[in-house]
C-alpha atoms as a PDB file:
ATOM      1  CA  MET A   1     289.580 135.939  79.899  1.00  0.00           C
ATOM      2  CA  GLU A   2     286.330 134.486  80.873  1.00  0.00           C
ATOM      3  CA  THR A   3     284.592 136.430  78.183  1.00  0.00           C
ATOM      4  CA  ARG A   4     286.911 135.003  75.400  1.00  0.00           C
ATOM      5  CA  SER A   5     286.454 131.474  76.593  1.00  0.00           C
ATOM      6  CA  SER A   6     282.812 131.912  76.571  1.00  0.00           C
ATOM      7  CA  LYS A   7     282.961 133.079  72.957  1.00  0.00           C
ATOM      8  CA  THR A   8     285.095 130.179  72.001  1.00  0.00           C
ATOM      9  CA  THR A   9     282.658 127.849  73.609  1.00  0.00           C
ATOM     10  CA  GLN A  10     279.779 129.440  71.815  1.00  0.00           C
ATOM     11  CA  LYS A  11     281.553 129.205  68.470  1.00  0.00           C
ATOM     12  CA  GLY A  12     282.156 125.543  68.959  1.00  0.00           C
ATOM     13  CA  THR A  13     278.575 125.084  69.912  1.00  0.00           C
ATOM     14  CA  ILE A  14     277.450 126.714  66.679  1.00  0.00           C
ATOM     15  CA  LEU A  15     279.659 124.440  64.529  1.00  0.00           C
ATOM     16  CA  GLN A  16     278.408 121.397  66.347  1.00  0.00           C
ATOM     17  CA  HIS A  17     274.923 122.492  65.554  1.00  0.00           C
ATOM     18  CA  PHE A  18     275.662 122.242  61.788  1.00  0.00           C
ATOM     19  CA  ALA A  19     277.155 118.802  62.240  1.00  0.00           C
ATOM     20  CA  PRO A  20     274.374 116.616  63.630  1.00  0.00           C
ATOM     21  CA  ASN A  21     275.294 114.030  66.174  1.00  0.00           C
ATOM     22  CA  ASN A  22     278.807 115.403  66.027  1.00  0.00           C
ATOM     23  CA  THR A  23     279.763 112.218  64.097  1.00  0.00           C
ATOM     24  CA  THR A  24     280.148 111.008  60.548  1.00  0.00           C
ATOM     25  CA  ASN A  25     277.949 112.043  57.667  1.00  0.00           C
ATOM     26  CA  THR A  26     278.150 109.846  54.624  1.00  0.00           C
ATOM     27  CA  GLY A  27     281.360 108.506  56.021  1.00  0.00           C
ATOM     28  CA  ASN A  28     282.979 111.933  56.733  1.00  0.00           C
ATOM     29  CA  THR A  29     284.013 113.313  60.158  1.00  0.00           C
ATOM     30  CA  CYS A  30     284.313 116.872  61.332  1.00  0.00           C
ATOM     31  CA  THR A  31     286.884 117.983  63.941  1.00  0.00           C
ATOM     32  CA  ILE A  32     287.719 121.392  65.460  1.00  0.00           C
ATOM     33  CA  ASP A  33     291.303 122.387  65.904  1.00  0.00           C
ATOM     34  CA  SER A  34     292.636 124.823  68.511  1.00  0.00           C
ATOM     35  CA  ASN A  35     291.791 127.676  66.203  1.00  0.00           C
ATOM     36  CA  GLY A  36     288.217 126.433  65.857  1.00  0.00           C
ATOM     37  CA  THR A  37     288.627 125.430  62.140  1.00  0.00           C
ATOM     38  CA  ALA A  38     286.429 122.626  60.737  1.00  0.00           C
ATOM     39  CA  GLN A  39     288.857 120.029  59.350  1.00  0.00           C
ATOM     40  CA  GLY A  40     286.149 117.436  58.500  1.00  0.00           C
ATOM     41  CA  VAL A  41     284.651 119.541  55.695  1.00  0.00           C
ATOM     42  CA  MET A  42     287.767 119.302  53.528  1.00  0.00           C
ATOM     43  CA  ALA A  43     288.121 115.568  54.103  1.00  0.00           C
ATOM     44  CA  GLY A  44     284.507 115.004  53.201  1.00  0.00           C
ATOM     45  CA  ASN A  45     284.918 116.872  49.893  1.00  0.00           C
ATOM     46  CA  MET A  46     287.947 114.766  48.956  1.00  0.00           C
ATOM     47  CA  ASN A  47     286.075 111.486  49.629  1.00  0.00           C
ATOM     48  CA  ASN A  48     283.194 112.636  47.451  1.00  0.00           C
ATOM     49  CA  GLU A  49     285.543 113.317  44.531  1.00  0.00           C
ATOM     50  CA  GLN A  50     287.116 109.889  44.906  1.00  0.00           C
ATOM     51  CA  ALA A  51     283.658 108.275  44.923  1.00  0.00           C
ATOM     52  CA  ALA A  52     282.735 110.218  41.788  1.00  0.00           C
ATOM     53  CA  VAL A  53     285.911 109.051  40.026  1.00  0.00           C
ATOM     54  CA  SER A  54     285.256 105.423  41.017  1.00  0.00           C
ATOM     55  CA  ASN A  55     281.730 105.557  39.660  1.00  0.00           C
ATOM     56  CA  SER A  56     282.979 106.969  36.359  1.00  0.00           C
ATOM     57  CA  GLU A  57     285.582 104.232  36.006  1.00  0.00           C
ATOM     58  CA  LEU A  58     283.016 101.597  36.872  1.00  0.00           C
ATOM     59  CA  LYS A  59     280.702 102.992  34.261  1.00  0.00           C
ATOM     60  CA  ASP A  60     283.475 102.902  31.670  1.00  0.00           C
ATOM     61  CA  ILE A  61     284.278  99.329  32.613  1.00  0.00           C
ATOM     62  CA  MET A  62     280.642  98.352  32.323  1.00  0.00           C
ATOM     63  CA  LEU A  63     280.407 100.047  28.928  1.00  0.00           C
ATOM     64  CA  ARG A  64     283.520  98.272  27.698  1.00  0.00           C
ATOM     65  CA  MET A  65     282.224  94.958  28.999  1.00  0.00           C
ATOM     66  CA  GLU A  66     278.913  95.586  27.266  1.00  0.00           C
ATOM     67  CA  SER A  67     280.722  96.460  24.047  1.00  0.00           C
ATOM     68  CA  ASN A  68     282.907  93.361  24.314  1.00  0.00           C
ATOM     69  CA  LEU A  69     279.923  91.160  25.051  1.00  0.00           C
ATOM     70  CA  THR A  70     278.006  92.680  22.156  1.00  0.00           C
ATOM     71  CA  LYS A  71     280.940  92.082  19.813  1.00  0.00           C
ATOM     72  CA  ARG A  72     281.370  88.558  21.136  1.00  0.00           C
ATOM     73  CA  MET A  73     277.666  87.875  20.649  1.00  0.00           C
ATOM     74  CA  ASP A  74     277.920  89.193  17.095  1.00  0.00           C
ATOM     75  CA  ASP A  75     280.912  86.925  16.493  1.00  0.00           C
ATOM     76  CA  LEU A  76     279.060  83.951  17.938  1.00  0.00           C
ATOM     77  CA  GLN A  77     276.044  84.696  15.794  1.00  0.00           C
ATOM     78  CA  LYS A  78     278.282  84.883  12.730  1.00  0.00           C
ATOM     79  CA  GLU A  79     279.952  81.625  13.695  1.00  0.00           C
ATOM     80  CA  MET A  80     276.585  80.009  14.196  1.00  0.00           C
ATOM     81  CA  SER A  81     275.450  81.344  10.839  1.00  0.00           C
ATOM     82  CA  ASP A  82     278.579  79.955   9.160  1.00  0.00           C
ATOM     83  CA  MET A  83     278.099  76.675  10.953  1.00  0.00           C
ATOM     84  CA  ASN A  84     274.493  76.484   9.789  1.00  0.00           C
ATOM     85  CA  LYS A  85     275.639  77.136   6.235  1.00  0.00           C
ATOM     86  CA  LYS A  86     278.194  74.342   6.510  1.00  0.00           C
ATOM     87  CA  VAL A  87     275.548  72.031   7.929  1.00  0.00           C
ATOM     88  CA  GLU A  88     273.279  72.840   5.007  1.00  0.00           C
ATOM     89  CA  GLU A  89     276.156  72.285   2.603  1.00  0.00           C
ATOM     90  CA  ASN A  90     276.905  68.957   4.290  1.00  0.00           C
ATOM     91  CA  LYS A  91     273.249  68.023   4.028  1.00  0.00           C
ATOM     92  CA  SER A  92     273.389  68.818   0.335  1.00  0.00           C
ATOM     93  CA  ASP A  93     276.589  66.804  -0.040  1.00  0.00           C
ATOM     94  CA  ILE A  94     275.027  63.888   1.838  1.00  0.00           C
ATOM     95  CA  THR A  95     271.959  64.081  -0.386  1.00  0.00           C
ATOM     96  CA  ASP A  96     274.157  64.122  -3.476  1.00  0.00           C
ATOM     97  CA  LEU A  97     276.178  61.225  -2.096  1.00  0.00           C
ATOM     98  CA  LYS A  98     273.021  59.260  -1.363  1.00  0.00           C
ATOM     99  CA  THR A  99     271.788  59.922  -4.893  1.00  0.00           C
ATOM    100  CA  SER A 100     275.164  58.908  -6.280  1.00  0.00           C
ATOM    101  CA  VAL A 101     275.156  55.711  -4.216  1.00  0.00           C
ATOM    102  CA  GLU A 102     271.654  54.890  -5.410  1.00  0.00           C
ATOM    103  CA  ASN A 103     272.696  55.530  -8.995  1.00  0.00           C
ATOM    104  CA  ASN A 104     275.796  53.395  -8.498  1.00  0.00           C
ATOM    105  CA  ALA A 105     273.643  50.666  -6.997  1.00  0.00           C
ATOM    106  CA  ASP A 106     271.426  50.794 -10.080  1.00  0.00           C
ATOM    107  CA  GLU A 107     274.506  50.653 -12.298  1.00  0.00           C
ATOM    108  CA  VAL A 108     275.920  47.701 -10.350  1.00  0.00           C
ATOM    109  CA  HIS A 109     272.565  45.953 -10.570  1.00  0.00           C
ATOM    110  CA  ASP A 110     272.490  46.566 -14.317  1.00  0.00           C
ATOM    111  CA  ILE A 111     276.075  45.321 -14.678  1.00  0.00           C
ATOM    112  CA  VAL A 112     275.383  42.155 -12.667  1.00  0.00           C
ATOM    113  CA  ASN A 113     272.055  41.340 -14.290  1.00  0.00           C
ATOM    114  CA  ASN A 114     272.550  42.600 -17.840  1.00  0.00           C
ATOM    115  CA  VAL A 115     276.101  43.543 -18.779  1.00  0.00           C
ATOM    116  CA  ILE A 116     277.940  40.543 -17.303  1.00  0.00           C
ATOM    117  CA  PRO A 117     275.493  37.935 -18.713  1.00  0.00           C
ATOM    118  CA  GLN A 118     275.743  39.630 -22.101  1.00  0.00           C
ATOM    119  CA  LEU A 119     279.543  39.671 -21.913  1.00  0.00           C
ATOM    120  CA  LYS A 120     279.509  36.014 -20.874  1.00  0.00           C
ATOM    121  CA  LYS A 121     277.237  35.144 -23.765  1.00  0.00           C
ATOM    122  CA  THR A 122     279.418  37.125 -26.175  1.00  0.00           C
ATOM    123  CA  HIS A 123     282.526  35.403 -24.801  1.00  0.00           C
ATOM    124  CA  GLU A 124     280.984  31.969 -25.157  1.00  0.00           C
ATOM    125  CA  GLU A 125     279.881  32.746 -28.711  1.00  0.00           C
ATOM    126  CA  PHE A 126     283.364  34.022 -29.540  1.00  0.00           C
ATOM    127  CA  VAL A 127     285.017  30.923 -28.043  1.00  0.00           C
ATOM    128  CA  ALA A 128     282.592  28.654 -29.914  1.00  0.00           C
ATOM    129  CA  LYS A 129     283.257  30.520 -33.149  1.00  0.00           C
ATOM    130  CA  LEU A 130     287.013  30.370 -32.600  1.00  0.00           C
ATOM    131  CA  ASP A 131     286.821  26.660 -31.755  1.00  0.00           C
ATOM    132  CA  LYS A 132     284.798  26.024 -34.905  1.00  0.00           C
ATOM    133  CA  GLU A 133     287.287  27.947 -37.051  1.00  0.00           C
ATOM    134  CA  ASN A 134     290.211  26.031 -35.514  1.00  0.00           C
ATOM    135  CA  LYS A 135     288.469  22.699 -36.088  1.00  0.00           C
ATOM    136  CA  LEU A 136     287.712  23.580 -39.702  1.00  0.00           C
ATOM    137  CA  LYS A 137     291.338  24.554 -40.235  1.00  0.00           C
ATOM    138  CA  GLU A 138     292.555  21.377 -38.546  1.00  0.00           C
ATOM    139  CA  LEU A 139     290.086  19.317 -40.568  1.00  0.00           C
ATOM    140  CA  HIS A 140     291.432  20.909 -43.738  1.00  0.00           C
ATOM    141  CA  ASP A 141     295.030  20.202 -42.693  1.00  0.00           C
ATOM    142  CA  ARG A 142     294.162  16.523 -42.056  1.00  0.00           C
ATOM    143  CA  LYS A 143     292.122  15.896 -45.206  1.00  0.00           C
ATOM    144  CA  MET A 144     295.049  14.256 -47.020  1.00  0.00           C
ATOM    145  CA  ASN A 145     295.489  11.709 -44.191  1.00  0.00           C
ATOM    146  CA  LEU A 146     293.972   8.293 -43.578  1.00  0.00           C
ATOM    147  CA  LEU A 147     294.102   6.254 -40.380  1.00  0.00           C
ATOM    148  CA  PHE A 148     294.429   2.474 -40.599  1.00  0.00           C
ATOM    149  CA  TYR A 149     293.451   0.174 -37.719  1.00  0.00           C
ATOM    150  CA  GLY A 150     294.363  -3.506 -37.349  1.00  0.00           C
ATOM    151  CA  VAL A 151     297.729  -3.344 -39.141  1.00  0.00           C
ATOM    152  CA  PRO A 152     299.987  -6.055 -37.635  1.00  0.00           C
ATOM    153  CA  GLN A 153     302.833  -4.546 -35.640  1.00  0.00           C
ATOM    154  CA  ASN A 154     306.333  -5.992 -35.340  1.00  0.00           C
ATOM    155  CA  PRO A 155     308.980  -5.007 -32.759  1.00  0.00           C
ATOM    156  CA  GLY A 156     311.632  -2.694 -34.204  1.00  0.00           C
ATOM    157  CA  GLU A 157     309.547  -1.905 -37.261  1.00  0.00           C
ATOM    158  CA  THR A 158     311.137   0.730 -39.535  1.00  0.00           C
ATOM    159  CA  VAL A 159     309.363   3.335 -41.635  1.00  0.00           C
ATOM    160  CA  GLU A 160     310.422   1.608 -44.881  1.00  0.00           C
ATOM    161  CA  GLU A 161     309.123  -1.720 -43.632  1.00  0.00           C
ATOM    162  CA  LEU A 162     305.838  -0.101 -42.587  1.00  0.00           C
ATOM    163  CA  GLY A 163     305.444   1.507 -46.018  1.00  0.00           C
ATOM    164  CA  ASP A 164     305.979  -1.792 -47.808  1.00  0.00           C
ATOM    165  CA  LYS A 165     303.568  -3.504 -45.396  1.00  0.00           C
ATOM    166  CA  MET A 166     300.849  -0.933 -46.176  1.00  0.00           C
ATOM    167  CA  ARG A 167     301.243  -1.451 -49.928  1.00  0.00           C
ATOM    168  CA  ASP A 168     300.791  -5.166 -49.419  1.00  0.00           C
ATOM    169  CA  ILE A 169     297.651  -4.478 -47.331  1.00  0.00           C
ATOM    170  CA  PHE A 170     296.261  -2.272 -50.114  1.00  0.00           C
ATOM    171  CA  ARG A 171     296.621  -5.240 -52.388  1.00  0.00           C
ATOM    172  CA  THR A 172     295.236  -7.947 -50.050  1.00  0.00           C
ATOM    173  CA  ASP A 173     292.629  -6.059 -47.987  1.00  0.00           C
ATOM    174  CA  PHE A 174     291.503  -3.316 -50.333  1.00  0.00           C
ATOM    175  CA  GLY A 175     291.825  -4.955 -53.744  1.00  0.00           C
ATOM    176  CA  VAL A 176     294.089  -2.306 -55.259  1.00  0.00           C
ATOM    177  CA  SER A 177     295.833  -3.475 -58.420  1.00  0.00           C
ATOM    178  CA  GLU A 178     299.614  -3.685 -58.757  1.00  0.00           C
ATOM    179  CA  GLU A 179     299.605  -0.927 -61.343  1.00  0.00           C
ATOM    180  CA  GLN A 180     297.706   1.425 -59.062  1.00  0.00           C
ATOM    181  CA  ILE A 181     299.895   0.611 -56.063  1.00  0.00           C
ATOM    182  CA  ASP A 182     303.023   1.628 -57.985  1.00  0.00           C
ATOM    183  CA  TYR A 183     301.599   5.117 -58.502  1.00  0.00           C
ATOM    184  CA  ILE A 184     300.430   5.722 -54.895  1.00  0.00           C
ATOM    185  CA  TYR A 185     302.755   8.238 -53.253  1.00  0.00           C
ATOM    186  CA  PHE A 186     303.180   8.439 -49.487  1.00  0.00           C
ATOM    187  CA  VAL A 187     304.196  11.873 -48.163  1.00  0.00           C
ATOM    188  CA  ALA A 188     304.578  10.362 -44.696  1.00  0.00           C
ATOM    189  CA  VAL A 189     303.760   7.071 -42.973  1.00  0.00           C
ATOM    190  CA  HIS A 190     304.167   6.139 -39.316  1.00  0.00           C
ATOM    191  CA  ARG A 191     302.368   4.675 -36.342  1.00  0.00           C
ATOM    192  CA  ILE A 192     300.566   6.687 -33.681  1.00  0.00           C
ATOM    193  CA  PRO A 193     301.275   5.386 -30.150  1.00  0.00           C
ATOM    194  CA  ARG A 194     297.954   4.654 -28.531  1.00  0.00           C
ATOM    195  CA  LYS A 195     297.318   5.178 -24.845  1.00  0.00           C
ATOM    196  CA  HIS A 196     295.193   2.835 -22.788  1.00  0.00           C
ATOM    197  CA  GLY A 197     291.515   3.174 -23.655  1.00  0.00           C
ATOM    198  CA  GLU A 198     291.985   5.275 -26.803  1.00  0.00           C
ATOM    199  CA  GLY A 199     291.215   4.425 -30.417  1.00  0.00           C
ATOM    200  CA  GLU A 200     288.246   3.962 -32.690  1.00  0.00           C
ATOM    201  CA  ASP A 201     287.274   0.675 -31.032  1.00  0.00           C
ATOM    202  CA  ASN A 202     288.512   1.743 -27.588  1.00  0.00           C
ATOM    203  CA  ARG A 203     290.681  -1.399 -27.125  1.00  0.00           C
ATOM    204  CA  SER A 204     294.277  -0.944 -26.022  1.00  0.00           C
ATOM    205  CA  HIS A 205     295.445  -4.467 -26.924  1.00  0.00           C
ATOM    206  CA  GLN A 206     295.132  -3.692 -30.642  1.00  0.00           C
ATOM    207  CA  PRO A 207     298.215  -2.649 -32.671  1.00  0.00           C
ATOM    208  CA  ASP A 208     298.980   1.059 -32.822  1.00  0.00           C
ATOM    209  CA  PRO A 209     297.107   2.722 -35.707  1.00  0.00           C
ATOM    210  CA  VAL A 210     298.984   3.784 -38.818  1.00  0.00           C
ATOM    211  CA  ILE A 211     298.599   7.236 -40.338  1.00  0.00           C
ATOM    212  CA  ILE A 212     299.450   7.882 -43.979  1.00  0.00           C
ATOM    213  CA  ARG A 213     299.574  11.287 -45.635  1.00  0.00           C
ATOM    214  CA  PHE A 214     298.894  10.807 -49.326  1.00  0.00           C
ATOM    215  CA  GLY A 215     300.315  12.895 -52.122  1.00  0.00           C
ATOM    216  CA  SER A 216     296.908  13.351 -53.783  1.00  0.00           C
ATOM    217  CA  MET A 217     293.240  13.250 -52.854  1.00  0.00           C
ATOM    218  CA  PHE A 218     292.710  10.846 -55.770  1.00  0.00           C
ATOM    219  CA  ASP A 219     294.820   8.180 -54.088  1.00  0.00           C
ATOM    220  CA  ARG A 220     293.229   8.797 -50.675  1.00  0.00           C
ATOM    221  CA  ASP A 221     289.663   8.640 -51.994  1.00  0.00           C
ATOM    222  CA  GLY A 222     290.554   5.574 -54.063  1.00  0.00           C
ATOM    223  CA  ILE A 223     291.444   3.634 -50.907  1.00  0.00           C
ATOM    224  CA  LEU A 224     288.138   4.627 -49.239  1.00  0.00           C
ATOM    225  CA  LEU A 225     286.202   3.618 -52.353  1.00  0.00           C
ATOM    226  CA  GLN A 226     287.914   0.217 -52.464  1.00  0.00           C
ATOM    227  CA  GLN A 227     287.000  -0.288 -48.797  1.00  0.00           C
ATOM    228  CA  ARG A 228     283.302   0.280 -49.545  1.00  0.00           C
ATOM    229  CA  ILE A 229     283.186  -2.138 -52.489  1.00  0.00           C
ATOM    230  CA  ARG A 230     285.539  -4.854 -51.262  1.00  0.00           C
ATOM    231  CA  PRO A 231     284.047  -8.293 -50.582  1.00  0.00           C
ATOM    232  CA  PHE A 232     283.278  -9.589 -47.118  1.00  0.00           C
ATOM    233  CA  PHE A 233     286.129 -11.421 -45.377  1.00  0.00           C
ATOM    234  CA  LYS A 234     284.885 -14.606 -43.701  1.00  0.00           C
ATOM    235  CA  ASP A 235     288.174 -15.920 -42.374  1.00  0.00           C
ATOM    236  CA  ARG A 236     289.609 -12.761 -40.786  1.00  0.00           C
ATOM    237  CA  LYS A 237     288.976  -9.138 -39.932  1.00  0.00           C
ATOM    238  CA  PRO A 238     290.474  -6.820 -42.555  1.00  0.00           C
ATOM    239  CA  VAL A 239     292.331  -3.593 -41.904  1.00  0.00           C
ATOM    240  CA  MET A 240     289.939  -0.635 -41.609  1.00  0.00           C
ATOM    241  CA  ALA A 241     290.601   2.847 -42.993  1.00  0.00           C
ATOM    242  CA  TYR A 242     289.204   6.059 -41.520  1.00  0.00           C
ATOM    243  CA  THR A 243     289.565   9.694 -42.380  1.00  0.00           C
ATOM    244  CA  ASP A 244     291.770  11.710 -40.032  1.00  0.00           C
ATOM    245  CA  LEU A 245     289.755  14.060 -37.834  1.00  0.00           C
ATOM    246  CA  PRO A 246     290.331  16.531 -34.988  1.00  0.00           C
ATOM    247  CA  ARG A 247     290.479  14.866 -31.582  1.00  0.00           C
ATOM    248  CA  SER A 248     286.920  15.698 -30.444  1.00  0.00           C
ATOM    249  CA  MET A 249     285.416  14.503 -33.728  1.00  0.00           C
ATOM    250  CA  LYS A 250     287.550  11.360 -33.592  1.00  0.00           C
ATOM    251  CA  GLN A 251     286.176  10.598 -30.131  1.00  0.00           C
ATOM    252  CA  ASP A 252     282.610  11.000 -31.397  1.00  0.00           C
ATOM    253  CA  ARG A 253     283.350   8.659 -34.282  1.00  0.00           C
ATOM    254  CA  GLY A 254     284.805   6.077 -31.894  1.00  0.00           C
ATOM    255  CA  LYS A 255     281.496   6.013 -30.018  1.00  0.00           C
ATOM    256  CA  LEU A 256     279.523   5.712 -33.254  1.00  0.00           C
ATOM    257  CA  VAL A 257     281.690   2.780 -34.388  1.00  0.00           C
ATOM    258  CA  GLN A 258     280.554   0.791 -31.333  1.00  0.00           C
ATOM    259  CA  HIS A 259     276.899   1.646 -31.991  1.00  0.00           C
ATOM    260  CA  GLY A 260     277.380   0.655 -35.641  1.00  0.00           C
ATOM    261  CA  LYS A 261     278.533  -2.810 -34.581  1.00  0.00           C
ATOM    262  CA  THR A 262     275.363  -3.230 -32.539  1.00  0.00           C
ATOM    263  CA  LEU A 263     273.195  -2.103 -35.453  1.00  0.00           C
ATOM    264  CA  ARG A 264     274.904  -4.542 -37.838  1.00  0.00           C
ATOM    265  CA  ARG A 265     274.308  -7.415 -35.429  1.00  0.00           C
ATOM    266  CA  GLU A 266     270.634  -6.455 -35.548  1.00  0.00           C
ATOM    267  CA  GLY A 267     270.613  -6.886 -39.358  1.00  0.00           C
ATOM    268  CA  ASN A 268     271.268  -3.323 -40.507  1.00  0.00           C
ATOM    269  CA  LEU A 269     273.669  -1.705 -42.922  1.00  0.00           C
ATOM    270  CA  THR A 270     275.640   1.193 -41.471  1.00  0.00           C
ATOM    271  CA  ARG A 271     277.829   4.038 -42.635  1.00  0.00           C
ATOM    272  CA  ILE A 272     279.607   6.880 -40.873  1.00  0.00           C
ATOM    273  CA  ARG A 273     279.820  10.247 -42.568  1.00  0.00           C
ATOM    274  CA  THR A 274     281.350  13.609 -41.763  1.00  0.00           C
ATOM    275  CA  ILE A 275     279.249  16.664 -42.582  1.00  0.00           C
ATOM    276  CA  GLY A 276     281.107  19.839 -41.727  1.00  0.00           C
ATOM    277  CA  LEU A 277     282.143  19.366 -38.113  1.00  0.00           C
ATOM    278  CA  ASP A 278     279.465  16.766 -37.375  1.00  0.00           C
ATOM    279  CA  VAL A 279     280.144  13.032 -37.410  1.00  0.00           C
ATOM    280  CA  ILE A 280     276.956  11.034 -38.049  1.00  0.00           C
ATOM    281  CA  LEU A 281     276.013   7.365 -38.137  1.00  0.00           C
ATOM    282  CA  GLU A 282     273.375   6.236 -40.630  1.00  0.00           C
ATOM    283  CA  PHE A 283     271.705   2.837 -40.929  1.00  0.00           C
ATOM    284  CA  LYS A 284     269.020   0.954 -42.855  1.00  0.00           C
ATOM    285  CA  ASP A 285     267.611  -2.565 -43.009  1.00  0.00           C
ATOM    286  CA  LYS A 286     269.938  -4.938 -44.807  1.00  0.00           C
ATOM    287  CA  GLY A 287     266.938  -6.504 -46.566  1.00  0.00           C
ATOM    288  CA  ASN A 288     265.923  -3.122 -47.984  1.00  0.00           C
ATOM    289  CA  ARG A 289     269.033  -1.845 -49.663  1.00  0.00           C
ATOM    290  CA  ARG A 290     267.054   0.639 -51.739  1.00  0.00           C
ATOM    291  CA  GLY A 291     265.506   2.153 -48.634  1.00  0.00           C
ATOM    292  CA  ASP A 292     266.470   5.517 -47.168  1.00  0.00           C
ATOM    293  CA  TRP A 293     269.255   5.865 -44.669  1.00  0.00           C
ATOM    294  CA  LYS A 294     268.178   6.719 -41.143  1.00  0.00           C
ATOM    295  CA  ARG A 295     270.282   8.860 -38.857  1.00  0.00           C
ATOM    296  CA  PHE A 296     271.331   7.366 -35.536  1.00  0.00           C
ATOM    297  CA  ASN A 297     270.891   9.688 -32.563  1.00  0.00           C
ATOM    298  CA  LEU A 298     273.939   9.412 -30.294  1.00  0.00           C
ATOM    299  CA  ASN A 299     271.925  10.703 -27.308  1.00  0.00           C
ATOM    300  CA  ASN A 300     269.545   7.733 -27.361  1.00  0.00           C
END
């Protein structure tokens, strides 16, 4: 018995010798059971395998993370590259827009400084041309008319009475013979209501002017001729005859009539003529009837 115990003790001593400090080694312990078997060796082997498996998984995880990071970096680089391309495209678009704006600014400048003034000038020329054409047409439509100023006016005057009165005036104020008067045909005869301040002499207290549309230019021109050659009336102011003109020309003539009165008081002969669309006043010294007519400048 003592001999067996001694052997057992020796065997345990030998195992302890191969396990330094009789404690853990890399985290593994070694114990002896009643049969003297080393249980710690098996446990240590199992822990080593688990450590090896953990390291392998960690390595795989690291590799996957590296792969994911690499892919993500590639994606970011591609995104950055695309973004840079878009930035460059935007820069190009901005440059094109700036060029377009500059071109538009030049076009606007040209429109404001060249096109619009030219259009305005063209418009003004067109309006002036149209106004001239309308005045010429109106002047043509009025050429058969004569205006008479200073014809006495009675309340309730009829057209027939006015016509007879004008024939009497042709006889007394214009020196037209009875035979000629019988052949003068009136297409129309009536008075023109005059507003305050209107008229050839610009006096509203005068009778309303009379307008007559003659049937022939011969009769119309005959009245004007008789007015030029009729004698001077000392006792009264005779009825005056004027050609019918468009409104603007009639206003110009009204101004010239007043200037003509001033010139006659200064010892001049005067006459008013219509040349195209211009109404002119001419004068010369009464003592020099053979002298040339001078044109009066309305702007003086």
